[in-house]
Amino acid sequence: MKSGVRMIIVAAPSGAGKSSFVDRITRELPILVDTVTYTTRAMREGESEGMPYHFVSREKFQELVEKGFFVEWAEVHTNLYGTPLHQLEDAWALNKVIIMDVDVQGAATFKAKYPDAATVFILPPSIEELRRRVERRDKGRTQNLEVRMANASREIARAHEFDHQLVNDDFERSYNEFKKLVESLVRAS
């Protein structure tokens, strides 16, 4: 299957559903490859090394930055996140399409480096619903909740900068809309 785009960048505020969408679509469409980001944040319940991140110390992360290991990295919610360049190159060598979920800042960096990338912004139905989702996901133990909500408001204000936007108000319906969009991007010539 020939792909239309080499990279699809998915951004959304924390808790809007971007990781769930990307995880599911990579299982359903074998042409898609998600990157495994490196982060300095603590592991959450149910996570493990490499799923969904490579968890490293701040010192190790800085060493990797100095070596030019990351194509892009940023500080988000007081933690560092970075995407390894070799993962992009490896996927493209296999004629795969990269799909990744990143923050708004990362999306802008990737779009500047790869202008042919397609960008998708997933919106929550409201900031109040986003707060409820984050609290439910983290079982009421969310660190930096107010920082996350303030960042979410700033990110939502930039949704218009993306090629495509969709509201995740009902997971199944919204996911199906997302999947149709991704399939059309992958097939586009």
N, C-alpha and C. Protein backbone atom coordinates (compact mmCIF):
# COMPACT_ATOMS: atom_id res chain seq x y z
N MET A 1 0.85 -1.19 0.00
CA MET A 1 0.00 0.00 0.00
C MET A 1 0.89 1.24 0.00
N LYS A 2 0.73 2.08 -0.98
CA LYS A 2 1.50 3.32 -1.06
C LYS A 2 0.85 4.35 -0.16
N SER A 3 1.67 5.05 0.57
CA SER A 3 1.08 6.04 1.48
C SER A 3 1.17 7.43 0.90
N GLY A 4 0.22 8.27 1.30
CA GLY A 4 0.21 9.65 0.85
C GLY A 4 1.09 10.53 1.71
N VAL A 5 1.12 10.26 3.01
CA VAL A 5 1.95 11.06 3.91
C VAL A 5 2.96 10.14 4.59
N ARG A 6 4.05 10.72 5.04
CA ARG A 6 5.06 9.94 5.77
C ARG A 6 4.89 10.07 7.27
N MET A 7 4.17 11.13 7.70
CA MET A 7 4.04 11.38 9.12
C MET A 7 2.70 12.02 9.43
N ILE A 8 2.06 11.50 10.48
CA ILE A 8 0.82 12.08 10.99
C ILE A 8 1.07 12.44 12.45
N ILE A 9 0.88 13.71 12.76
CA ILE A 9 1.15 14.23 14.09
C ILE A 9 -0.18 14.49 14.79
N VAL A 10 -0.39 13.85 15.92
CA VAL A 10 -1.63 13.98 16.67
C VAL A 10 -1.32 14.71 17.97
N ALA A 11 -2.03 15.81 18.20
CA ALA A 11 -1.82 16.58 19.43
C ALA A 11 -3.17 16.79 20.11
N ALA A 12 -3.10 17.00 21.40
CA ALA A 12 -4.29 17.25 22.21
C ALA A 12 -3.82 17.54 23.61
N PRO A 13 -4.65 18.18 24.41
CA PRO A 13 -4.30 18.33 25.81
C PRO A 13 -4.25 16.95 26.49
N SER A 14 -3.50 16.84 27.54
CA SER A 14 -3.43 15.61 28.33
C SER A 14 -4.84 15.21 28.76
N GLY A 15 -5.23 13.98 28.43
CA GLY A 15 -6.54 13.49 28.83
C GLY A 15 -7.60 13.58 27.75
N ALA A 16 -7.28 14.14 26.59
CA ALA A 16 -8.28 14.29 25.52
C ALA A 16 -8.46 13.02 24.70
N GLY A 17 -7.53 12.08 24.80
CA GLY A 17 -7.69 10.81 24.10
C GLY A 17 -6.67 10.51 23.02
N LYS A 18 -5.67 11.38 22.85
CA LYS A 18 -4.74 11.18 21.74
C LYS A 18 -3.98 9.86 21.84
N SER A 19 -3.50 9.50 23.01
CA SER A 19 -2.75 8.24 23.15
C SER A 19 -3.64 7.04 22.90
N SER A 20 -4.87 7.08 23.38
CA SER A 20 -5.80 5.97 23.15
C SER A 20 -6.09 5.82 21.66
N PHE A 21 -6.28 6.93 20.96
CA PHE A 21 -6.53 6.88 19.52
C PHE A 21 -5.33 6.31 18.78
N VAL A 22 -4.14 6.81 19.09
CA VAL A 22 -2.93 6.37 18.39
C VAL A 22 -2.63 4.91 18.70
N ASP A 23 -2.77 4.50 19.96
CA ASP A 23 -2.54 3.09 20.32
C ASP A 23 -3.46 2.17 19.53
N ARG A 24 -4.72 2.52 19.46
CA ARG A 24 -5.69 1.65 18.78
C ARG A 24 -5.46 1.62 17.27
N ILE A 25 -5.22 2.77 16.68
CA ILE A 25 -5.09 2.78 15.22
C ILE A 25 -3.82 2.08 14.75
N THR A 26 -2.77 2.10 15.54
CA THR A 26 -1.55 1.38 15.13
C THR A 26 -1.77 -0.12 15.20
N ARG A 27 -2.68 -0.58 16.04
CA ARG A 27 -3.02 -2.01 16.06
C ARG A 27 -3.88 -2.38 14.85
N GLU A 28 -4.70 -1.44 14.38
CA GLU A 28 -5.65 -1.73 13.31
C GLU A 28 -5.09 -1.49 11.90
N LEU A 29 -4.13 -0.59 11.76
CA LEU A 29 -3.56 -0.28 10.44
C LEU A 29 -2.05 -0.55 10.46
N PRO A 30 -1.63 -1.71 9.93
CA PRO A 30 -0.22 -2.12 10.02
C PRO A 30 0.78 -1.19 9.34
N ILE A 31 0.31 -0.31 8.44
CA ILE A 31 1.25 0.62 7.79
C ILE A 31 1.73 1.69 8.76
N LEU A 32 1.01 1.88 9.87
CA LEU A 32 1.35 2.92 10.84
C LEU A 32 2.32 2.41 11.89
N VAL A 33 3.26 3.27 12.26
CA VAL A 33 4.22 2.98 13.32
C VAL A 33 4.24 4.16 14.27
N ASP A 34 4.04 3.88 15.54
CA ASP A 34 4.13 4.91 16.57
C ASP A 34 5.56 4.95 17.09
N THR A 35 6.00 6.11 17.47
CA THR A 35 7.32 6.23 18.08
C THR A 35 7.18 6.00 19.58
N VAL A 36 8.27 5.58 20.21
CA VAL A 36 8.29 5.44 21.66
C VAL A 36 9.16 6.57 22.19
N THR A 37 8.50 7.53 22.79
CA THR A 37 9.14 8.73 23.29
C THR A 37 9.92 8.43 24.58
N TYR A 38 10.98 9.17 24.77
CA TYR A 38 11.73 9.13 26.02
C TYR A 38 11.17 10.21 26.94
N THR A 39 11.07 9.92 28.23
CA THR A 39 10.57 10.91 29.18
C THR A 39 11.26 10.79 30.53
N THR A 40 11.25 11.91 31.25
CA THR A 40 11.77 11.92 32.61
C THR A 40 10.64 11.81 33.64
N ARG A 41 9.39 11.74 33.18
CA ARG A 41 8.30 11.66 34.14
C ARG A 41 8.24 10.28 34.78
N ALA A 42 7.61 10.22 35.94
CA ALA A 42 7.48 8.95 36.66
C ALA A 42 6.48 8.05 35.94
N MET A 43 6.70 6.76 36.05
CA MET A 43 5.80 5.77 35.48
C MET A 43 4.46 5.81 36.21
N ARG A 44 3.37 5.70 35.46
CA ARG A 44 2.04 5.60 36.06
C ARG A 44 1.68 4.13 36.22
N GLU A 45 0.69 3.89 37.03
CA GLU A 45 0.19 2.53 37.23
C GLU A 45 -0.19 1.94 35.88
N GLY A 46 0.24 0.71 35.62
CA GLY A 46 -0.07 0.04 34.36
C GLY A 46 0.95 0.26 33.27
N GLU A 47 1.90 1.15 33.48
CA GLU A 47 2.95 1.39 32.48
C GLU A 47 4.18 0.56 32.82
N SER A 48 5.04 0.36 31.81
CA SER A 48 6.30 -0.32 32.01
C SER A 48 7.32 0.27 31.03
N GLU A 49 8.57 -0.07 31.22
CA GLU A 49 9.62 0.46 30.34
C GLU A 49 9.30 0.12 28.89
N GLY A 50 9.24 1.15 28.05
CA GLY A 50 8.94 0.98 26.64
C GLY A 50 7.44 0.98 26.32
N MET A 51 6.60 0.98 27.33
CA MET A 51 5.15 0.98 27.15
C MET A 51 4.52 1.99 28.10
N PRO A 52 4.18 3.15 27.75
CA PRO A 52 4.23 3.73 26.42
C PRO A 52 5.46 4.60 26.19
N TYR A 53 6.37 4.67 27.17
CA TYR A 53 7.56 5.52 27.08
C TYR A 53 8.80 4.75 27.47
N HIS A 54 9.96 5.31 27.09
CA HIS A 54 11.23 4.92 27.69
C HIS A 54 11.43 5.90 28.84
N PHE A 55 11.49 5.39 30.05
CA PHE A 55 11.61 6.23 31.24
C PHE A 55 13.08 6.35 31.62
N VAL A 56 13.58 7.58 31.65
CA VAL A 56 15.00 7.82 31.97
C VAL A 56 15.12 8.96 32.97
N SER A 57 16.26 9.03 33.60
CA SER A 57 16.52 10.14 34.53
C SER A 57 16.75 11.43 33.74
N ARG A 58 16.64 12.54 34.42
CA ARG A 58 16.90 13.83 33.78
C ARG A 58 18.35 13.88 33.28
N GLU A 59 19.27 13.31 34.04
CA GLU A 59 20.68 13.30 33.65
C GLU A 59 20.89 12.51 32.36
N LYS A 60 20.28 11.32 32.27
CA LYS A 60 20.39 10.49 31.07
C LYS A 60 19.76 11.20 29.87
N PHE A 61 18.62 11.84 30.10
CA PHE A 61 17.96 12.57 29.03
C PHE A 61 18.88 13.66 28.50
N GLN A 62 19.50 14.42 29.40
CA GLN A 62 20.42 15.49 28.99
C GLN A 62 21.59 14.95 28.18
N GLU A 63 22.11 13.78 28.58
CA GLU A 63 23.20 13.14 27.82
C GLU A 63 22.74 12.85 26.39
N LEU A 64 21.52 12.34 26.25
CA LEU A 64 20.99 12.02 24.92
C LEU A 64 20.79 13.29 24.08
N VAL A 65 20.35 14.37 24.72
CA VAL A 65 20.21 15.65 24.02
C VAL A 65 21.56 16.08 23.47
N GLU A 66 22.58 16.02 24.32
CA GLU A 66 23.93 16.45 23.92
C GLU A 66 24.48 15.61 22.77
N LYS A 67 24.08 14.34 22.68
CA LYS A 67 24.54 13.45 21.61
C LYS A 67 23.75 13.64 20.31
N GLY A 68 22.71 14.48 20.32
CA GLY A 68 21.89 14.68 19.13
C GLY A 68 20.97 13.50 18.84
N PHE A 69 20.61 12.76 19.87
CA PHE A 69 19.79 11.56 19.75
C PHE A 69 18.34 11.86 19.35
N PHE A 70 17.83 13.01 19.77
CA PHE A 70 16.42 13.34 19.54
C PHE A 70 16.24 14.23 18.31
N VAL A 71 15.19 13.95 17.54
CA VAL A 71 14.82 14.83 16.45
C VAL A 71 14.10 16.05 17.02
N GLU A 72 13.46 15.85 18.18
CA GLU A 72 12.70 16.92 18.86
C GLU A 72 12.62 16.55 20.32
N TRP A 73 12.73 17.57 21.18
CA TRP A 73 12.49 17.34 22.60
C TRP A 73 11.95 18.62 23.21
N ALA A 74 11.25 18.46 24.34
CA ALA A 74 10.63 19.63 24.98
C ALA A 74 10.37 19.33 26.45
N GLU A 75 10.18 20.40 27.20
CA GLU A 75 9.75 20.26 28.59
C GLU A 75 8.25 20.52 28.63
N VAL A 76 7.51 19.54 29.16
CA VAL A 76 6.05 19.61 29.22
C VAL A 76 5.63 19.20 30.63
N HIS A 77 4.81 20.03 31.28
CA HIS A 77 4.34 19.75 32.64
C HIS A 77 5.51 19.41 33.57
N THR A 78 6.60 20.12 33.46
CA THR A 78 7.81 20.00 34.30
C THR A 78 8.64 18.74 34.01
N ASN A 79 8.30 17.96 32.98
CA ASN A 79 9.07 16.79 32.61
C ASN A 79 9.59 16.94 31.19
N LEU A 80 10.65 16.21 30.87
CA LEU A 80 11.24 16.25 29.53
C LEU A 80 10.73 15.08 28.70
N TYR A 81 10.47 15.36 27.40
CA TYR A 81 10.01 14.35 26.46
C TYR A 81 10.81 14.52 25.18
N GLY A 82 11.22 13.42 24.56
CA GLY A 82 11.97 13.51 23.32
C GLY A 82 11.71 12.33 22.39
N THR A 83 11.76 12.59 21.09
CA THR A 83 11.53 11.57 20.06
C THR A 83 12.86 11.24 19.39
N PRO A 84 13.27 9.98 19.43
CA PRO A 84 14.53 9.57 18.80
C PRO A 84 14.46 9.61 17.28
N LEU A 85 15.44 10.20 16.65
CA LEU A 85 15.51 10.32 15.20
C LEU A 85 15.53 8.95 14.53
N HIS A 86 16.26 7.99 15.10
CA HIS A 86 16.41 6.69 14.44
C HIS A 86 15.07 5.98 14.27
N GLN A 87 14.09 6.25 15.13
CA GLN A 87 12.79 5.59 14.98
C GLN A 87 12.09 6.05 13.70
N LEU A 88 12.21 7.33 13.38
CA LEU A 88 11.62 7.84 12.14
C LEU A 88 12.32 7.21 10.94
N GLU A 89 13.63 7.25 10.95
CA GLU A 89 14.41 6.73 9.82
C GLU A 89 14.16 5.24 9.60
N ASP A 90 14.08 4.47 10.70
CA ASP A 90 13.83 3.02 10.60
C ASP A 90 12.47 2.75 9.98
N ALA A 91 11.44 3.48 10.41
CA ALA A 91 10.08 3.27 9.88
C ALA A 91 10.02 3.63 8.40
N TRP A 92 10.61 4.76 8.03
CA TRP A 92 10.58 5.17 6.62
C TRP A 92 11.33 4.21 5.73
N ALA A 93 12.40 3.61 6.24
CA ALA A 93 13.14 2.62 5.46
C ALA A 93 12.27 1.40 5.14
N LEU A 94 11.26 1.16 5.96
CA LEU A 94 10.33 0.05 5.75
C LEU A 94 9.03 0.50 5.05
N ASN A 95 9.03 1.74 4.53
CA ASN A 95 7.85 2.33 3.87
C ASN A 95 6.63 2.39 4.78
N LYS A 96 6.87 2.64 6.04
CA LYS A 96 5.80 2.80 7.02
C LYS A 96 5.51 4.29 7.19
N VAL A 97 4.35 4.58 7.76
CA VAL A 97 3.95 5.95 8.06
C VAL A 97 4.06 6.13 9.57
N ILE A 98 4.77 7.15 9.98
CA ILE A 98 4.88 7.48 11.41
C ILE A 98 3.59 8.16 11.85
N ILE A 99 3.06 7.70 12.97
CA ILE A 99 1.97 8.42 13.63
C ILE A 99 2.42 8.62 15.06
N MET A 100 2.29 9.82 15.54
CA MET A 100 2.78 10.08 16.90
C MET A 100 1.86 11.05 17.61
N ASP A 101 1.77 10.84 18.93
CA ASP A 101 1.03 11.80 19.73
C ASP A 101 2.04 12.64 20.50
N VAL A 102 1.91 13.94 20.33
CA VAL A 102 2.83 14.90 20.94
C VAL A 102 2.04 16.08 21.48
N ASP A 103 2.72 16.94 22.20
CA ASP A 103 2.07 18.17 22.66
C ASP A 103 2.11 19.20 21.53
N VAL A 104 1.45 20.31 21.73
CA VAL A 104 1.35 21.36 20.70
C VAL A 104 2.73 21.87 20.31
N GLN A 105 3.59 22.06 21.29
CA GLN A 105 4.95 22.54 21.06
C GLN A 105 5.70 21.55 20.16
N GLY A 106 5.60 20.25 20.45
CA GLY A 106 6.25 19.23 19.64
C GLY A 106 5.69 19.19 18.23
N ALA A 107 4.38 19.36 18.11
CA ALA A 107 3.74 19.36 16.79
C ALA A 107 4.30 20.48 15.93
N ALA A 108 4.47 21.66 16.52
CA ALA A 108 5.00 22.80 15.76
C ALA A 108 6.44 22.52 15.31
N THR A 109 7.23 21.91 16.18
CA THR A 109 8.61 21.58 15.84
C THR A 109 8.66 20.57 14.70
N PHE A 110 7.85 19.51 14.81
CA PHE A 110 7.82 18.50 13.75
C PHE A 110 7.33 19.08 12.44
N LYS A 111 6.29 19.89 12.48
CA LYS A 111 5.75 20.48 11.24
C LYS A 111 6.79 21.38 10.57
N ALA A 112 7.59 22.08 11.38
CA ALA A 112 8.65 22.92 10.81
C ALA A 112 9.73 22.06 10.15
N LYS A 113 10.06 20.93 10.76
CA LYS A 113 11.10 20.06 10.20
C LYS A 113 10.58 19.19 9.06
N TYR A 114 9.30 18.84 9.13
CA TYR A 114 8.68 17.96 8.13
C TYR A 114 7.38 18.61 7.65
N PRO A 115 7.49 19.63 6.76
CA PRO A 115 6.30 20.39 6.35
C PRO A 115 5.23 19.55 5.66
N ASP A 116 5.60 18.38 5.12
CA ASP A 116 4.61 17.53 4.46
C ASP A 116 3.82 16.67 5.45
N ALA A 117 4.14 16.76 6.74
CA ALA A 117 3.41 15.99 7.76
C ALA A 117 1.98 16.52 7.88
N ALA A 118 1.05 15.61 8.15
CA ALA A 118 -0.34 16.00 8.42
C ALA A 118 -0.51 16.15 9.93
N THR A 119 -1.24 17.18 10.34
CA THR A 119 -1.44 17.41 11.77
C THR A 119 -2.92 17.30 12.12
N VAL A 120 -3.18 16.67 13.28
CA VAL A 120 -4.55 16.46 13.76
C VAL A 120 -4.59 16.91 15.22
N PHE A 121 -5.60 17.71 15.56
CA PHE A 121 -5.77 18.14 16.95
C PHE A 121 -7.07 17.54 17.47
N ILE A 122 -6.98 16.85 18.59
CA ILE A 122 -8.15 16.25 19.23
C ILE A 122 -8.57 17.15 20.40
N LEU A 123 -9.79 17.63 20.30
CA LEU A 123 -10.34 18.53 21.32
C LEU A 123 -11.21 17.77 22.31
N PRO A 124 -11.17 18.15 23.58
CA PRO A 124 -12.14 17.61 24.53
C PRO A 124 -13.46 18.34 24.32
N PRO A 125 -14.58 17.78 24.76
CA PRO A 125 -15.85 18.50 24.60
C PRO A 125 -15.89 19.81 25.40
N SER A 126 -15.15 19.84 26.52
CA SER A 126 -15.06 21.05 27.34
C SER A 126 -13.86 20.91 28.27
N ILE A 127 -13.41 22.00 28.82
CA ILE A 127 -12.29 21.97 29.77
C ILE A 127 -12.72 21.26 31.06
N GLU A 128 -14.00 21.39 31.42
CA GLU A 128 -14.50 20.71 32.63
C GLU A 128 -14.48 19.20 32.44
N GLU A 129 -14.90 18.73 31.25
CA GLU A 129 -14.86 17.29 30.96
C GLU A 129 -13.42 16.80 30.92
N LEU A 130 -12.52 17.60 30.39
CA LEU A 130 -11.11 17.23 30.36
C LEU A 130 -10.59 17.05 31.78
N ARG A 131 -10.92 17.96 32.67
CA ARG A 131 -10.51 17.86 34.07
C ARG A 131 -11.02 16.55 34.67
N ARG A 132 -12.29 16.22 34.41
CA ARG A 132 -12.87 14.97 34.94
C ARG A 132 -12.12 13.75 34.40
N ARG A 133 -11.80 13.78 33.12
CA ARG A 133 -11.09 12.64 32.51
C ARG A 133 -9.71 12.44 33.12
N VAL A 134 -8.99 13.54 33.30
CA VAL A 134 -7.64 13.45 33.87
C VAL A 134 -7.71 12.94 35.30
N GLU A 135 -8.65 13.47 36.07
CA GLU A 135 -8.80 13.01 37.46
C GLU A 135 -9.19 11.54 37.53
N ARG A 136 -10.09 11.11 36.64
CA ARG A 136 -10.52 9.70 36.61
C ARG A 136 -9.35 8.81 36.19
N ARG A 137 -8.62 9.22 35.15
CA ARG A 137 -7.48 8.43 34.67
C ARG A 137 -6.44 8.25 35.77
N ASP A 138 -6.18 9.33 36.49
CA ASP A 138 -5.13 9.31 37.52
C ASP A 138 -5.68 8.97 38.90
N LYS A 139 -6.95 8.56 38.94
CA LYS A 139 -7.59 8.16 40.20
C LYS A 139 -7.48 9.24 41.27
N GLY A 140 -7.63 10.50 40.84
CA GLY A 140 -7.61 11.62 41.78
C GLY A 140 -6.23 12.01 42.29
N ARG A 141 -5.18 11.39 41.75
CA ARG A 141 -3.81 11.68 42.23
C ARG A 141 -2.99 12.41 41.17
N THR A 142 -3.63 13.20 40.35
CA THR A 142 -2.93 13.91 39.29
C THR A 142 -1.97 14.93 39.88
N GLN A 143 -0.73 14.84 39.45
CA GLN A 143 0.25 15.85 39.86
C GLN A 143 0.09 17.05 38.94
N ASN A 144 0.24 18.23 39.48
CA ASN A 144 0.21 19.47 38.69
C ASN A 144 -1.10 19.65 37.92
N LEU A 145 -2.24 19.30 38.51
CA LEU A 145 -3.51 19.38 37.80
C LEU A 145 -3.79 20.79 37.28
N GLU A 146 -3.55 21.80 38.11
CA GLU A 146 -3.84 23.17 37.67
C GLU A 146 -2.90 23.59 36.54
N VAL A 147 -1.64 23.15 36.61
CA VAL A 147 -0.69 23.43 35.51
C VAL A 147 -1.19 22.77 34.23
N ARG A 148 -1.66 21.52 34.35
CA ARG A 148 -2.16 20.79 33.19
C ARG A 148 -3.38 21.48 32.58
N MET A 149 -4.28 21.96 33.42
CA MET A 149 -5.49 22.61 32.92
C MET A 149 -5.16 23.96 32.27
N ALA A 150 -4.22 24.69 32.86
CA ALA A 150 -3.79 25.96 32.25
C ALA A 150 -3.13 25.70 30.90
N ASN A 151 -2.27 24.66 30.85
CA ASN A 151 -1.63 24.29 29.58
C ASN A 151 -2.68 23.85 28.57
N ALA A 152 -3.67 23.10 29.03
CA ALA A 152 -4.73 22.62 28.13
C ALA A 152 -5.46 23.79 27.48
N SER A 153 -5.77 24.80 28.26
CA SER A 153 -6.47 25.97 27.71
C SER A 153 -5.63 26.65 26.64
N ARG A 154 -4.32 26.77 26.89
CA ARG A 154 -3.43 27.37 25.89
C ARG A 154 -3.34 26.49 24.64
N GLU A 155 -3.28 25.17 24.83
CA GLU A 155 -3.19 24.26 23.69
C GLU A 155 -4.47 24.31 22.86
N ILE A 156 -5.62 24.28 23.51
CA ILE A 156 -6.90 24.33 22.79
C ILE A 156 -7.01 25.60 21.96
N ALA A 157 -6.46 26.69 22.47
CA ALA A 157 -6.50 27.96 21.73
C ALA A 157 -5.69 27.89 20.43
N ARG A 158 -4.83 26.89 20.30
CA ARG A 158 -4.00 26.75 19.09
C ARG A 158 -4.51 25.66 18.14
N ALA A 159 -5.66 25.07 18.43
CA ALA A 159 -6.20 23.98 17.60
C ALA A 159 -6.34 24.40 16.13
N HIS A 160 -6.67 25.66 15.90
CA HIS A 160 -6.85 26.15 14.53
C HIS A 160 -5.58 26.08 13.69
N GLU A 161 -4.42 25.92 14.32
CA GLU A 161 -3.15 25.84 13.60
C GLU A 161 -2.95 24.47 12.95
N PHE A 162 -3.80 23.51 13.27
CA PHE A 162 -3.65 22.14 12.78
C PHE A 162 -4.45 21.93 11.51
N ASP A 163 -4.00 20.99 10.68
CA ASP A 163 -4.67 20.70 9.42
C ASP A 163 -6.09 20.18 9.64
N HIS A 164 -6.27 19.40 10.71
CA HIS A 164 -7.57 18.77 11.00
C HIS A 164 -7.83 18.86 12.50
N GLN A 165 -9.11 19.02 12.87
CA GLN A 165 -9.50 19.02 14.28
C GLN A 165 -10.72 18.12 14.41
N LEU A 166 -10.79 17.42 15.55
CA LEU A 166 -12.00 16.68 15.85
C LEU A 166 -12.21 16.67 17.36
N VAL A 167 -13.48 16.62 17.74
CA VAL A 167 -13.86 16.64 19.16
C VAL A 167 -14.08 15.21 19.61
N ASN A 168 -13.43 14.82 20.70
CA ASN A 168 -13.62 13.50 21.28
C ASN A 168 -14.68 13.61 22.38
N ASP A 169 -15.94 13.61 21.95
CA ASP A 169 -17.04 13.69 22.91
C ASP A 169 -17.65 12.33 23.19
N ASP A 170 -17.50 11.40 22.26
CA ASP A 170 -17.94 10.01 22.42
C ASP A 170 -16.83 9.17 21.82
N PHE A 171 -16.16 8.35 22.64
CA PHE A 171 -14.93 7.71 22.20
C PHE A 171 -15.11 6.92 20.90
N GLU A 172 -16.06 6.01 20.83
CA GLU A 172 -16.20 5.16 19.64
C GLU A 172 -16.52 5.98 18.39
N ARG A 173 -17.46 6.89 18.49
CA ARG A 173 -17.82 7.71 17.33
C ARG A 173 -16.63 8.57 16.91
N SER A 174 -15.99 9.20 17.88
CA SER A 174 -14.85 10.08 17.58
C SER A 174 -13.68 9.28 17.01
N TYR A 175 -13.44 8.10 17.58
CA TYR A 175 -12.36 7.26 17.06
C TYR A 175 -12.63 6.86 15.61
N ASN A 176 -13.86 6.48 15.30
CA ASN A 176 -14.19 6.10 13.92
C ASN A 176 -13.97 7.26 12.96
N GLU A 177 -14.30 8.47 13.39
CA GLU A 177 -14.04 9.66 12.58
C GLU A 177 -12.53 9.85 12.38
N PHE A 178 -11.77 9.67 13.46
CA PHE A 178 -10.32 9.76 13.42
C PHE A 178 -9.74 8.71 12.45
N LYS A 179 -10.23 7.47 12.55
CA LYS A 179 -9.72 6.40 11.70
C LYS A 179 -9.99 6.70 10.23
N LYS A 180 -11.18 7.18 9.90
CA LYS A 180 -11.48 7.54 8.50
C LYS A 180 -10.54 8.62 8.00
N LEU A 181 -10.27 9.61 8.85
CA LEU A 181 -9.34 10.68 8.48
C LEU A 181 -7.95 10.11 8.23
N VAL A 182 -7.44 9.30 9.14
CA VAL A 182 -6.10 8.73 8.98
C VAL A 182 -6.03 7.87 7.73
N GLU A 183 -7.04 7.05 7.50
CA GLU A 183 -7.04 6.20 6.29
C GLU A 183 -6.99 7.08 5.03
N SER A 184 -7.72 8.20 5.02
CA SER A 184 -7.69 9.07 3.84
C SER A 184 -6.32 9.72 3.68
N LEU A 185 -5.66 10.05 4.77
CA LEU A 185 -4.31 10.65 4.70
C LEU A 185 -3.30 9.65 4.18
N VAL A 186 -3.41 8.41 4.62
CA VAL A 186 -2.48 7.36 4.22
C VAL A 186 -2.67 7.02 2.74
N ARG A 187 -3.90 7.05 2.26
CA ARG A 187 -4.17 6.71 0.86
C ARG A 187 -3.91 7.85 -0.10
N ALA A 188 -3.91 9.08 0.39
CA ALA A 188 -3.77 10.26 -0.48
C ALA A 188 -2.48 10.17 -1.29
N SER A 189 -2.54 10.64 -2.51
CA SER A 189 -1.31 10.61 -3.31
C SER A 189 -0.64 11.94 -3.35
